[in-house]
PDB file of N, CA and C in Angstrom:
ATOM      1  N   MET A   1      91.145 122.483 102.165  1.00  0.00           N
ATOM      2  CA  MET A   1      91.801 122.427 100.871  1.00  0.00           C
ATOM      3  C   MET A   1      91.087 121.412  99.988  1.00  0.00           C
ATOM      4  N   LEU A   2      90.863 121.756  98.770  1.00  0.00           N
ATOM      5  CA  LEU A   2      90.196 120.881  97.816  1.00  0.00           C
ATOM      6  C   LEU A   2      91.218 119.912  97.241  1.00  0.00           C
ATOM      7  N   ARG A   3      90.921 118.634  97.332  1.00  0.00           N
ATOM      8  CA  ARG A   3      91.824 117.632  96.781  1.00  0.00           C
ATOM      9  C   ARG A   3      91.115 116.953  95.630  1.00  0.00           C
ATOM     10  N   HIS A   4      91.772 116.876  94.512  1.00  0.00           N
ATOM     11  CA  HIS A   4      91.177 116.299  93.319  1.00  0.00           C
ATOM     12  C   HIS A   4      91.821 114.948  93.060  1.00  0.00           C
ATOM     13  N   CYS A   5      91.004 113.948  92.873  1.00  0.00           N
ATOM     14  CA  CYS A   5      91.491 112.592  92.670  1.00  0.00           C
ATOM     15  C   CYS A   5      90.780 111.993  91.467  1.00  0.00           C
ATOM     16  N   VAL A   6      91.509 111.312  90.611  1.00  0.00           N
ATOM     17  CA  VAL A   6      90.920 110.674  89.439  1.00  0.00           C
ATOM     18  C   VAL A   6      91.191 109.180  89.526  1.00  0.00           C
ATOM     19  N   LEU A   7      90.120 108.391  89.421  1.00  0.00           N
ATOM     20  CA  LEU A   7      90.249 106.940  89.423  1.00  0.00           C
ATOM     21  C   LEU A   7      89.262 106.392  88.404  1.00  0.00           C
ATOM     22  N   VAL A   8      89.770 105.847  87.311  1.00  0.00           N
ATOM     23  CA  VAL A   8      88.932 105.297  86.245  1.00  0.00           C
ATOM     24  C   VAL A   8      88.585 103.858  86.605  1.00  0.00           C
ATOM     25  N   GLN A   9      87.276 103.546  86.625  1.00  0.00           N
ATOM     26  CA  GLN A   9      86.819 102.210  86.970  1.00  0.00           C
ATOM     27  C   GLN A   9      85.647 101.822  86.077  1.00  0.00           C
ATOM     28  N   PRO A  10      85.472 100.534  85.823  1.00  0.00           N
ATOM     29  CA  PRO A  10      84.385 100.119  84.930  1.00  0.00           C
ATOM     30  C   PRO A  10      82.998 100.251  85.545  1.00  0.00           C
ATOM     31  N   ARG A  11      82.887 100.230  86.887  1.00  0.00           N
ATOM     32  CA  ARG A  11      81.590 100.317  87.543  1.00  0.00           C
ATOM     33  C   ARG A  11      81.581 101.423  88.585  1.00  0.00           C
ATOM     34  N   ARG A  12      80.388 101.822  89.006  1.00  0.00           N
ATOM     35  CA  ARG A  12      80.242 102.821  90.060  1.00  0.00           C
ATOM     36  C   ARG A  12      79.487 102.186  91.223  1.00  0.00           C
ATOM     37  N   ASP A  13      79.962 101.037  91.708  1.00  0.00           N
ATOM     38  CA  ASP A  13      79.312 100.340  92.801  1.00  0.00           C
ATOM     39  C   ASP A  13      80.006 100.667  94.124  1.00  0.00           C
ATOM     40  N   LYS A  14      79.547 100.030  95.200  1.00  0.00           N
ATOM     41  CA  LYS A  14      80.084 100.294  96.534  1.00  0.00           C
ATOM     42  C   LYS A  14      81.571  99.954  96.627  1.00  0.00           C
ATOM     43  N   ARG A  15      81.963  98.855  96.023  1.00  0.00           N
ATOM     44  CA  ARG A  15      83.370  98.434  96.070  1.00  0.00           C
ATOM     45  C   ARG A  15      84.289  99.464  95.407  1.00  0.00           C
ATOM     46  N   SER A  16      83.893  99.967  94.248  1.00  0.00           N
ATOM     47  CA  SER A  16      84.718 100.958  93.561  1.00  0.00           C
ATOM     48  C   SER A  16      84.698 102.297  94.297  1.00  0.00           C
ATOM     49  N   ALA A  17      83.574 102.627  94.953  1.00  0.00           N
ATOM     50  CA  ALA A  17      83.513 103.865  95.732  1.00  0.00           C
ATOM     51  C   ALA A  17      84.442 103.792  96.942  1.00  0.00           C
ATOM     52  N   LYS A  18      84.503 102.611  97.587  1.00  0.00           N
ATOM     53  CA  LYS A  18      85.424 102.441  98.705  1.00  0.00           C
ATOM     54  C   LYS A  18      86.873 102.577  98.240  1.00  0.00           C
ATOM     55  N   ARG A  19      87.185 102.002  97.097  1.00  0.00           N
ATOM     56  CA  ARG A  19      88.533 102.124  96.541  1.00  0.00           C
ATOM     57  C   ARG A  19      88.876 103.587  96.257  1.00  0.00           C
ATOM     58  N   PHE A  20      87.898 104.327  95.717  1.00  0.00           N
ATOM     59  CA  PHE A  20      88.103 105.744  95.428  1.00  0.00           C
ATOM     60  C   PHE A  20      88.362 106.541  96.707  1.00  0.00           C
ATOM     61  N   PHE A  21      87.556 106.311  97.759  1.00  0.00           N
ATOM     62  CA  PHE A  21      87.752 107.029  99.020  1.00  0.00           C
ATOM     63  C   PHE A  21      89.116 106.717  99.624  1.00  0.00           C
ATOM     64  N   ARG A  22      89.527 105.457  99.549  1.00  0.00           N
ATOM     65  CA  ARG A  22      90.843 105.105 100.098  1.00  0.00           C
ATOM     66  C   ARG A  22      91.971 105.790  99.341  1.00  0.00           C
ATOM     67  N   LYS A  23      91.849 105.859  98.021  1.00  0.00           N
ATOM     68  CA  LYS A  23      92.876 106.539  97.223  1.00  0.00           C
ATOM     69  C   LYS A  23      92.892 108.028  97.534  1.00  0.00           C
ATOM     70  N   LEU A  24      91.734 108.610  97.701  1.00  0.00           N
ATOM     71  CA  LEU A  24      91.633 110.034  98.004  1.00  0.00           C
ATOM     72  C   LEU A  24      92.249 110.361  99.359  1.00  0.00           C
ATOM     73  N   LEU A  25      92.060 109.491 100.329  1.00  0.00           N
ATOM     74  CA  LEU A  25      92.542 109.743 101.683  1.00  0.00           C
ATOM     75  C   LEU A  25      93.993 109.335 101.905  1.00  0.00           C
ATOM     76  N   ARG A  26      94.573 108.592 100.965  1.00  0.00           N
ATOM     77  CA  ARG A  26      95.916 108.046 101.142  1.00  0.00           C
ATOM     78  C   ARG A  26      96.961 109.126 101.419  1.00  0.00           C
ATOM     79  N   GLY A  27      96.949 110.215 100.696  1.00  0.00           N
ATOM     80  CA  GLY A  27      97.978 111.233 100.853  1.00  0.00           C
ATOM     81  C   GLY A  27      97.676 112.284 101.909  1.00  0.00           C
ATOM     82  N   LEU A  28      96.471 112.254 102.472  1.00  0.00           N
ATOM     83  CA  LEU A  28      96.104 113.263 103.465  1.00  0.00           C
ATOM     84  C   LEU A  28      96.688 112.949 104.831  1.00  0.00           C
ATOM     85  N   GLN A  29      96.974 113.996 105.588  1.00  0.00           N
ATOM     86  CA  GLN A  29      97.492 113.807 106.932  1.00  0.00           C
ATOM     87  C   GLN A  29      96.432 114.135 107.978  1.00  0.00           C
ATOM     88  N   TYR A  30      95.192 114.267 107.545  1.00  0.00           N
ATOM     89  CA  TYR A  30      94.084 114.567 108.431  1.00  0.00           C
ATOM     90  C   TYR A  30      92.826 113.889 107.886  1.00  0.00           C
ATOM     91  N   VAL A  31      91.801 113.830 108.685  1.00  0.00           N
ATOM     92  CA  VAL A  31      90.517 113.280 108.248  1.00  0.00           C
ATOM     93  C   VAL A  31      89.600 114.459 107.943  1.00  0.00           C
ATOM     94  N   PRO A  32      89.027 114.528 106.748  1.00  0.00           N
ATOM     95  CA  PRO A  32      88.145 115.649 106.428  1.00  0.00           C
ATOM     96  C   PRO A  32      86.867 115.589 107.273  1.00  0.00           C
ATOM     97  N   TRP A  33      86.214 116.736 107.470  1.00  0.00           N
ATOM     98  CA  TRP A  33      84.977 116.735 108.232  1.00  0.00           C
ATOM     99  C   TRP A  33      83.746 116.753 107.330  1.00  0.00           C
ATOM    100  N   ILE A  34      83.924 117.063 106.028  1.00  0.00           N
ATOM    101  CA  ILE A  34      82.812 117.067 105.078  1.00  0.00           C
ATOM    102  C   ILE A  34      83.284 116.444 103.763  1.00  0.00           C
ATOM    103  N   ILE A  35      82.443 115.605 103.171  1.00  0.00           N
ATOM    104  CA  ILE A  35      82.688 115.065 101.837  1.00  0.00           C
ATOM    105  C   ILE A  35      81.490 115.434 100.977  1.00  0.00           C
ATOM    106  N   VAL A  36      81.757 115.969  99.784  1.00  0.00           N
ATOM    107  CA  VAL A  36      80.698 116.348  98.855  1.00  0.00           C
ATOM    108  C   VAL A  36      80.791 115.444  97.633  1.00  0.00           C
ATOM    109  N   THR A  37      79.693 114.748  97.321  1.00  0.00           N
ATOM    110  CA  THR A  37      79.645 113.876  96.144  1.00  0.00           C
ATOM    111  C   THR A  37      78.334 114.117  95.409  1.00  0.00           C
ATOM    112  N   ASP A  38      78.160 113.403  94.300  1.00  0.00           N
ATOM    113  CA  ASP A  38      76.861 113.449  93.637  1.00  0.00           C
ATOM    114  C   ASP A  38      75.915 112.505  94.386  1.00  0.00           C
ATOM    115  N   LYS A  39      74.712 112.328  93.869  1.00  0.00           N
ATOM    116  CA  LYS A  39      73.679 111.600  94.609  1.00  0.00           C
ATOM    117  C   LYS A  39      73.705 110.084  94.412  1.00  0.00           C
ATOM    118  N   LEU A  40      74.784 109.553  93.916  1.00  0.00           N
ATOM    119  CA  LEU A  40      74.897 108.114  93.720  1.00  0.00           C
ATOM    120  C   LEU A  40      74.869 107.399  95.070  1.00  0.00           C
ATOM    121  N   GLY A  41      74.036 106.390  95.200  1.00  0.00           N
ATOM    122  CA  GLY A  41      73.861 105.693  96.468  1.00  0.00           C
ATOM    123  C   GLY A  41      75.083 104.937  96.944  1.00  0.00           C
ATOM    124  N   SER A  42      75.929 104.493  96.030  1.00  0.00           N
ATOM    125  CA  SER A  42      77.105 103.714  96.444  1.00  0.00           C
ATOM    126  C   SER A  42      78.109 104.574  97.209  1.00  0.00           C
ATOM    127  N   TYR A  43      78.122 105.885  96.971  1.00  0.00           N
ATOM    128  CA  TYR A  43      79.004 106.758  97.752  1.00  0.00           C
ATOM    129  C   TYR A  43      78.590 106.778  99.223  1.00  0.00           C
ATOM    130  N   ALA A  44      77.298 106.839  99.480  1.00  0.00           N
ATOM    131  CA  ALA A  44      76.820 106.866 100.861  1.00  0.00           C
ATOM    132  C   ALA A  44      77.150 105.556 101.570  1.00  0.00           C
ATOM    133  N   ALA A  45      76.956 104.423 100.892  1.00  0.00           N
ATOM    134  CA  ALA A  45      77.248 103.122 101.493  1.00  0.00           C
ATOM    135  C   ALA A  45      78.741 102.971 101.776  1.00  0.00           C
ATOM    136  N   ALA A  46      79.576 103.402 100.851  1.00  0.00           N
ATOM    137  CA  ALA A  46      81.027 103.291 101.042  1.00  0.00           C
ATOM    138  C   ALA A  46      81.511 104.238 102.125  1.00  0.00           C
ATOM    139  N   LYS A  47      80.956 105.443 102.165  1.00  0.00           N
ATOM    140  CA  LYS A  47      81.355 106.419 103.181  1.00  0.00           C
ATOM    141  C   LYS A  47      80.999 105.932 104.573  1.00  0.00           C
ATOM    142  N   ALA A  48      79.868 105.246 104.709  1.00  0.00           N
ATOM    143  CA  ALA A  48      79.457 104.718 106.010  1.00  0.00           C
ATOM    144  C   ALA A  48      80.458 103.699 106.546  1.00  0.00           C
ATOM    145  N   GLU A  49      81.120 102.977 105.651  1.00  0.00           N
ATOM    146  CA  GLU A  49      82.114 101.994 106.088  1.00  0.00           C
ATOM    147  C   GLU A  49      83.500 102.604 106.269  1.00  0.00           C
ATOM    148  N   VAL A  50      83.921 103.436 105.320  1.00  0.00           N
ATOM    149  CA  VAL A  50      85.287 103.967 105.345  1.00  0.00           C
ATOM    150  C   VAL A  50      85.417 105.146 106.304  1.00  0.00           C
ATOM    151  N   LEU A  51      84.454 106.065 106.278  1.00  0.00           N
ATOM    152  CA  LEU A  51      84.503 107.284 107.089  1.00  0.00           C
ATOM    153  C   LEU A  51      83.170 107.506 107.812  1.00  0.00           C
ATOM    154  N   PRO A  52      82.879 106.740 108.841  1.00  0.00           N
ATOM    155  CA  PRO A  52      81.565 106.856 109.477  1.00  0.00           C
ATOM    156  C   PRO A  52      81.322 108.175 110.209  1.00  0.00           C
ATOM    157  N   THR A  53      82.361 108.873 110.650  1.00  0.00           N
ATOM    158  CA  THR A  53      82.173 110.106 111.416  1.00  0.00           C
ATOM    159  C   THR A  53      82.123 111.358 110.551  1.00  0.00           C
ATOM    160  N   VAL A  54      82.388 111.236 109.261  1.00  0.00           N
ATOM    161  CA  VAL A  54      82.457 112.392 108.363  1.00  0.00           C
ATOM    162  C   VAL A  54      81.067 112.729 107.828  1.00  0.00           C
ATOM    163  N   GLU A  55      80.762 114.031 107.770  1.00  0.00           N
ATOM    164  CA  GLU A  55      79.483 114.479 107.218  1.00  0.00           C
ATOM    165  C   GLU A  55      79.500 114.327 105.698  1.00  0.00           C
ATOM    166  N   HIS A  56      78.394 113.850 105.147  1.00  0.00           N
ATOM    167  CA  HIS A  56      78.295 113.611 103.705  1.00  0.00           C
ATOM    168  C   HIS A  56      77.216 114.518 103.133  1.00  0.00           C
ATOM    169  N   ARG A  57      77.599 115.422 102.238  1.00  0.00           N
ATOM    170  CA  ARG A  57      76.646 116.342 101.615  1.00  0.00           C
ATOM    171  C   ARG A  57      76.439 115.950 100.168  1.00  0.00           C
ATOM    172  N   ARG A  58      75.142 115.893  99.772  1.00  0.00           N
ATOM    173  CA  ARG A  58      74.801 115.487  98.419  1.00  0.00           C
ATOM    174  C   ARG A  58      73.663 116.350  97.895  1.00  0.00           C
ATOM    175  N   GLY A  59      73.911 117.610  97.698  1.00  0.00           N
ATOM    176  CA  GLY A  59      72.883 118.499  97.180  1.00  0.00           C
ATOM    177  C   GLY A  59      73.013 118.670  95.681  1.00  0.00           C
ATOM    178  N   ARG A  60      72.029 119.346  95.099  1.00  0.00           N
ATOM    179  CA  ARG A  60      72.023 119.506  93.648  1.00  0.00           C
ATOM    180  C   ARG A  60      73.202 120.343  93.151  1.00  0.00           C
ATOM    181  N   TRP A  61      73.503 121.428  93.824  1.00  0.00           N
ATOM    182  CA  TRP A  61      74.560 122.322  93.344  1.00  0.00           C
ATOM    183  C   TRP A  61      75.842 122.232  94.165  1.00  0.00           C
ATOM    184  N   LEU A  62      75.865 121.431  95.205  1.00  0.00           N
ATOM    185  CA  LEU A  62      77.049 121.341  96.052  1.00  0.00           C
ATOM    186  C   LEU A  62      78.242 120.750  95.321  1.00  0.00           C
ATOM    187  N   ASN A  63      77.995 119.822  94.404  1.00  0.00           N
ATOM    188  CA  ASN A  63      79.061 119.136  93.685  1.00  0.00           C
ATOM    189  C   ASN A  63      79.516 119.903  92.444  1.00  0.00           C
ATOM    190  N   ASN A  64      78.990 121.095  92.230  1.00  0.00           N
ATOM    191  CA  ASN A  64      79.270 121.843  91.019  1.00  0.00           C
ATOM    192  C   ASN A  64      80.760 122.156  90.850  1.00  0.00           C
ATOM    193  N   ARG A  65      81.446 122.437  91.935  1.00  0.00           N
ATOM    194  CA  ARG A  65      82.873 122.763  91.873  1.00  0.00           C
ATOM    195  C   ARG A  65      83.683 121.585  91.329  1.00  0.00           C
ATOM    196  N   ALA A  66      83.385 120.395  91.793  1.00  0.00           N
ATOM    197  CA  ALA A  66      84.097 119.204  91.319  1.00  0.00           C
ATOM    198  C   ALA A  66      83.723 118.880  89.880  1.00  0.00           C
ATOM    199  N   GLU A  67      82.449 119.015  89.540  1.00  0.00           N
ATOM    200  CA  GLU A  67      82.018 118.706  88.175  1.00  0.00           C
ATOM    201  C   GLU A  67      82.614 119.680  87.170  1.00  0.00           C
ATOM    202  N   ASN A  68      82.739 120.942  87.533  1.00  0.00           N
ATOM    203  CA  ASN A  68      83.321 121.922  86.623  1.00  0.00           C
ATOM    204  C   ASN A  68      84.812 121.710  86.418  1.00  0.00           C
ATOM    205  N   SER A  69      85.465 121.060  87.359  1.00  0.00           N
ATOM    206  CA  SER A  69      86.902 120.814  87.211  1.00  0.00           C
ATOM    207  C   SER A  69      87.191 119.788  86.121  1.00  0.00           C
ATOM    208  N   HIS A  70      86.161 119.059  85.664  1.00  0.00           N
ATOM    209  CA  HIS A  70      86.354 118.079  84.597  1.00  0.00           C
ATOM    210  C   HIS A  70      86.421 118.728  83.217  1.00  0.00           C
ATOM    211  N   GLY A  71      86.115 120.011  83.130  1.00  0.00           N
ATOM    212  CA  GLY A  71      86.075 120.691  81.830  1.00  0.00           C
ATOM    213  C   GLY A  71      87.353 120.569  81.019  1.00  0.00           C
ATOM    214  N   PRO A  72      88.504 120.947  81.573  1.00  0.00           N
ATOM    215  CA  PRO A  72      89.756 120.821  80.815  1.00  0.00           C
ATOM    216  C   PRO A  72      90.071 119.383  80.418  1.00  0.00           C
ATOM    217  N   THR A  73      89.732 118.426  81.295  1.00  0.00           N
ATOM    218  CA  THR A  73      89.970 117.019  80.991  1.00  0.00           C
ATOM    219  C   THR A  73      89.104 116.573  79.825  1.00  0.00           C
ATOM    220  N   ARG A  74      87.824 116.939  79.857  1.00  0.00           N
ATOM    221  CA  ARG A  74      86.910 116.574  78.770  1.00  0.00           C
ATOM    222  C   ARG A  74      87.336 117.215  77.456  1.00  0.00           C
ATOM    223  N   GLU A  75      87.799 118.446  77.522  1.00  0.00           N
ATOM    224  CA  GLU A  75      88.268 119.140  76.312  1.00  0.00           C
ATOM    225  C   GLU A  75      89.472 118.419  75.716  1.00  0.00           C
ATOM    226  N   ARG A  76      90.399 118.024  76.568  1.00  0.00           N
ATOM    227  CA  ARG A  76      91.590 117.308  76.116  1.00  0.00           C
ATOM    228  C   ARG A  76      91.212 115.941  75.525  1.00  0.00           C
ATOM    229  N   GLU A  77      90.254 115.274  76.175  1.00  0.00           N
ATOM    230  CA  GLU A  77      89.799 113.973  75.685  1.00  0.00           C
ATOM    231  C   GLU A  77      89.157 114.125  74.301  1.00  0.00           C
ATOM    232  N   ARG A  78      88.392 115.174  74.106  1.00  0.00           N
ATOM    233  CA  ARG A  78      87.767 115.413  72.807  1.00  0.00           C
ATOM    234  C   ARG A  78      88.821 115.609  71.722  1.00  0.00           C
ATOM    235  N   ARG A  79      89.867 116.375  72.053  1.00  0.00           N
ATOM    236  CA  ARG A  79      90.938 116.606  71.081  1.00  0.00           C
ATOM    237  C   ARG A  79      91.678 115.326  70.735  1.00  0.00           C
ATOM    238  N   MET A  80      91.795 114.431  71.710  1.00  0.00           N
ATOM    239  CA  MET A  80      92.482 113.153  71.485  1.00  0.00           C
ATOM    240  C   MET A  80      91.546 112.126  70.850  1.00  0.00           C
ATOM    241  N   ARG A  81      90.280 112.474  70.671  1.00  0.00           N
ATOM    242  CA  ARG A  81      89.247 111.584  70.126  1.00  0.00           C
ATOM    243  C   ARG A  81      89.059 110.342  70.986  1.00  0.00           C
ATOM    244  N   GLY A  82      88.977 110.563  72.277  1.00  0.00           N
ATOM    245  CA  GLY A  82      88.714 109.473  73.220  1.00  0.00           C
ATOM    246  C   GLY A  82      89.968 108.723  73.620  1.00  0.00           C
ATOM    247  N   PHE A  83      89.800 107.767  74.485  1.00  0.00           N
ATOM    248  CA  PHE A  83      90.905 106.946  74.950  1.00  0.00           C
ATOM    249  C   PHE A  83      90.743 105.535  74.399  1.00  0.00           C
ATOM    250  N   LYS A  84      91.846 104.859  74.169  1.00  0.00           N
ATOM    251  CA  LYS A  84      91.796 103.505  73.611  1.00  0.00           C
ATOM    252  C   LYS A  84      91.354 102.472  74.639  1.00  0.00           C
ATOM    253  N   SER A  85      91.675 102.700  75.899  1.00  0.00           N
ATOM    254  CA  SER A  85      91.319 101.736  76.940  1.00  0.00           C
ATOM    255  C   SER A  85      91.184 102.460  78.273  1.00  0.00           C
ATOM    256  N   PRO A  86      90.532 101.846  79.256  1.00  0.00           N
ATOM    257  CA  PRO A  86      90.454 102.458  80.588  1.00  0.00           C
ATOM    258  C   PRO A  86      91.840 102.644  81.227  1.00  0.00           C
ATOM    259  N   GLY A  87      92.767 101.719  80.958  1.00  0.00           N
ATOM    260  CA  GLY A  87      94.131 101.863  81.492  1.00  0.00           C
ATOM    261  C   GLY A  87      94.841 103.076  80.930  1.00  0.00           C
ATOM    262  N   HIS A  88      94.656 103.318  79.635  1.00  0.00           N
ATOM    263  CA  HIS A  88      95.254 104.496  79.014  1.00  0.00           C
ATOM    264  C   HIS A  88      94.644 105.762  79.585  1.00  0.00           C
ATOM    265  N   ALA A  89      93.342 105.761  79.817  1.00  0.00           N
ATOM    266  CA  ALA A  89      92.667 106.925  80.403  1.00  0.00           C
ATOM    267  C   ALA A  89      93.202 107.184  81.806  1.00  0.00           C
ATOM    268  N   GLN A  90      93.380 106.134  82.609  1.00  0.00           N
ATOM    269  CA  GLN A  90      93.891 106.315  83.965  1.00  0.00           C
ATOM    270  C   GLN A  90      95.304 106.879  83.959  1.00  0.00           C
ATOM    271  N   ARG A  91      96.165 106.358  83.094  1.00  0.00           N
ATOM    272  CA  ARG A  91      97.537 106.870  83.016  1.00  0.00           C
ATOM    273  C   ARG A  91      97.552 108.337  82.616  1.00  0.00           C
ATOM    274  N   PHE A  92      96.758 108.674  81.608  1.00  0.00           N
ATOM    275  CA  PHE A  92      96.718 110.059  81.141  1.00  0.00           C
ATOM    276  C   PHE A  92      96.178 110.994  82.219  1.00  0.00           C
ATOM    277  N   LEU A  93      95.056 110.625  82.837  1.00  0.00           N
ATOM    278  CA  LEU A  93      94.415 111.508  83.802  1.00  0.00           C
ATOM    279  C   LEU A  93      95.231 111.694  85.065  1.00  0.00           C
ATOM    280  N   SER A  94      95.948 110.669  85.507  1.00  0.00           N
ATOM    281  CA  SER A  94      96.758 110.814  86.709  1.00  0.00           C
ATOM    282  C   SER A  94      97.905 111.795  86.487  1.00  0.00           C
ATOM    283  N   VAL A  95      98.434 111.868  85.279  1.00  0.00           N
ATOM    284  CA  VAL A  95      99.514 112.816  84.973  1.00  0.00           C
ATOM    285  C   VAL A  95      98.953 114.179  84.590  1.00  0.00           C
ATOM    286  N   PHE A  96      97.862 114.189  83.832  1.00  0.00           N
ATOM    287  CA  PHE A  96      97.277 115.442  83.343  1.00  0.00           C
ATOM    288  C   PHE A  96      96.839 116.345  84.492  1.00  0.00           C
ATOM    289  N   GLY A  97      96.295 115.758  85.574  1.00  0.00           N
ATOM    290  CA  GLY A  97      95.863 116.553  86.721  1.00  0.00           C
ATOM    291  C   GLY A  97      97.022 117.279  87.383  1.00  0.00           C
ATOM    292  N   VAL A  98      98.151 116.607  87.500  1.00  0.00           N
ATOM    293  CA  VAL A  98      99.328 117.220  88.132  1.00  0.00           C
ATOM    294  C   VAL A  98      99.885 118.328  87.249  1.00  0.00           C
ATOM    295  N   ILE A  99     100.004 118.070  85.957  1.00  0.00           N
ATOM    296  CA  ILE A  99     100.562 119.064  85.044  1.00  0.00           C
ATOM    297  C   ILE A  99      99.655 120.283  84.936  1.00  0.00           C
ATOM    298  N   THR A 100      98.343 120.067  84.891  1.00  0.00           N
ATOM    299  CA  THR A 100      97.403 121.168  84.778  1.00  0.00           C
ATOM    300  C   THR A 100      97.457 122.068  85.995  1.00  0.00           C
ATOM    301  N   SER A 101      97.692 121.500  87.169  1.00  0.00           N
ATOM    302  CA  SER A 101      97.731 122.319  88.378  1.00  0.00           C
ATOM    303  C   SER A 101      98.905 123.297  88.361  1.00  0.00           C
ATOM    304  N   PHE A 102      99.973 123.004  87.609  1.00  0.00           N
ATOM    305  CA  PHE A 102     101.082 123.943  87.507  1.00  0.00           C
ATOM    306  C   PHE A 102     100.737 125.133  86.620  1.00  0.00           C
ATOM    307  N   SER A 103     100.001 124.868  85.547  1.00  0.00           N
ATOM    308  CA  SER A 103      99.677 125.955  84.627  1.00  0.00           C
ATOM    309  C   SER A 103      98.449 126.747  85.053  1.00  0.00           C
ATOM    310  N   ARG A 104      97.636 126.206  85.940  1.00  0.00           N
ATOM    311  CA  ARG A 104      96.440 126.895  86.429  1.00  0.00           C
ATOM    312  C   ARG A 104      96.522 126.981  87.950  1.00  0.00           C
ATOM    313  N   PRO A 105      96.998 128.091  88.481  1.00  0.00           N
ATOM    314  CA  PRO A 105      97.136 128.202  89.934  1.00  0.00           C
ATOM    315  C   PRO A 105      95.764 128.167  90.611  1.00  0.00           C
ATOM    316  N   GLY A 106      95.717 127.602  91.799  1.00  0.00           N
ATOM    317  CA  GLY A 106      94.461 127.510  92.537  1.00  0.00           C
ATOM    318  C   GLY A 106      93.994 128.869  92.999  1.00  0.00           C
ATOM    319  N   ARG A 107      92.898 129.325  92.455  1.00  0.00           N
ATOM    320  CA  ARG A 107      92.392 130.646  92.790  1.00  0.00           C
ATOM    321  C   ARG A 107      92.011 130.732  94.264  1.00  0.00           C
ATOM    322  N   HIS A 108      91.562 129.639  94.833  1.00  0.00           N
ATOM    323  CA  HIS A 108      91.152 129.643  96.235  1.00  0.00           C
ATOM    324  C   HIS A 108      92.338 129.793  97.186  1.00  0.00           C
ATOM    325  N   LEU A 109      93.555 129.612  96.679  1.00  0.00           N
ATOM    326  CA  LEU A 109      94.741 129.707  97.526  1.00  0.00           C
ATOM    327  C   LEU A 109      95.408 131.076  97.464  1.00  0.00           C
ATOM    328  N   LEU A 110      94.979 131.932  96.531  1.00  0.00           N
ATOM    329  CA  LEU A 110      95.652 133.206  96.316  1.00  0.00           C
ATOM    330  C   LEU A 110      94.717 134.383  96.522  1.00  0.00           C
ATOM    331  N   ALA A 111      95.296 135.503  96.920  1.00  0.00           N
ATOM    332  CA  ALA A 111      94.542 136.750  96.953  1.00  0.00           C
ATOM    333  C   ALA A 111      94.302 137.219  95.511  1.00  0.00           C
ATOM    334  N   ALA A 112      93.304 138.050  95.298  1.00  0.00           N
ATOM    335  CA  ALA A 112      92.928 138.460  93.934  1.00  0.00           C
ATOM    336  C   ALA A 112      94.078 139.156  93.216  1.00  0.00           C
ATOM    337  N   ALA A 113      94.800 140.017  93.899  1.00  0.00           N
ATOM    338  CA  ALA A 113      95.917 140.739  93.279  1.00  0.00           C
ATOM    339  C   ALA A 113      97.010 139.769  92.854  1.00  0.00           C
ATOM    340  N   ASN A 114      97.327 138.812  93.686  1.00  0.00           N
ATOM    341  CA  ASN A 114      98.356 137.827  93.350  1.00  0.00           C
ATOM    342  C   ASN A 114      97.926 136.933  92.199  1.00  0.00           C
ATOM    343  N   TYR A 115      96.640 136.576  92.175  1.00  0.00           N
ATOM    344  CA  TYR A 115      96.130 135.732  91.093  1.00  0.00           C
ATOM    345  C   TYR A 115      96.229 136.460  89.758  1.00  0.00           C
ATOM    346  N   ARG A 116      95.864 137.734  89.730  1.00  0.00           N
ATOM    347  CA  ARG A 116      95.957 138.526  88.496  1.00  0.00           C
ATOM    348  C   ARG A 116      97.409 138.656  88.036  1.00  0.00           C
ATOM    349  N   GLU A 117      98.319 138.773  88.984  1.00  0.00           N
ATOM    350  CA  GLU A 117      99.738 138.896  88.664  1.00  0.00           C
ATOM    351  C   GLU A 117     100.268 137.633  87.993  1.00  0.00           C
ATOM    352  N   LEU A 118      99.823 136.469  88.489  1.00  0.00           N
ATOM    353  CA  LEU A 118     100.252 135.202  87.887  1.00  0.00           C
ATOM    354  C   LEU A 118      99.684 135.041  86.496  1.00  0.00           C
TER     355      LEU A 118
END
């Protein structure tokens, strides 16, 4: 199952990557066997500490699914003409992701006929 997590931070270093992985894993009841990220080096360093047994994939097109999921968020941000602060962005994005999932059913969870019906 694809889990989407949003965490707004001022830097993309190892410390913030570890915080992101911990937030992502907090609600899960299992340990994933594969993590897909972009090619940022701090993700690899943080994953080695937080999840040493998990496979880490960082290919050019592997992260495309996660990157494309930012489209509705970016569109909404454009309409709002940006965010006033990182705290405001975090509050908005944490709620926007939940609300959007109700109006856009997960295609990967439904058969084609059921998806068309919705």
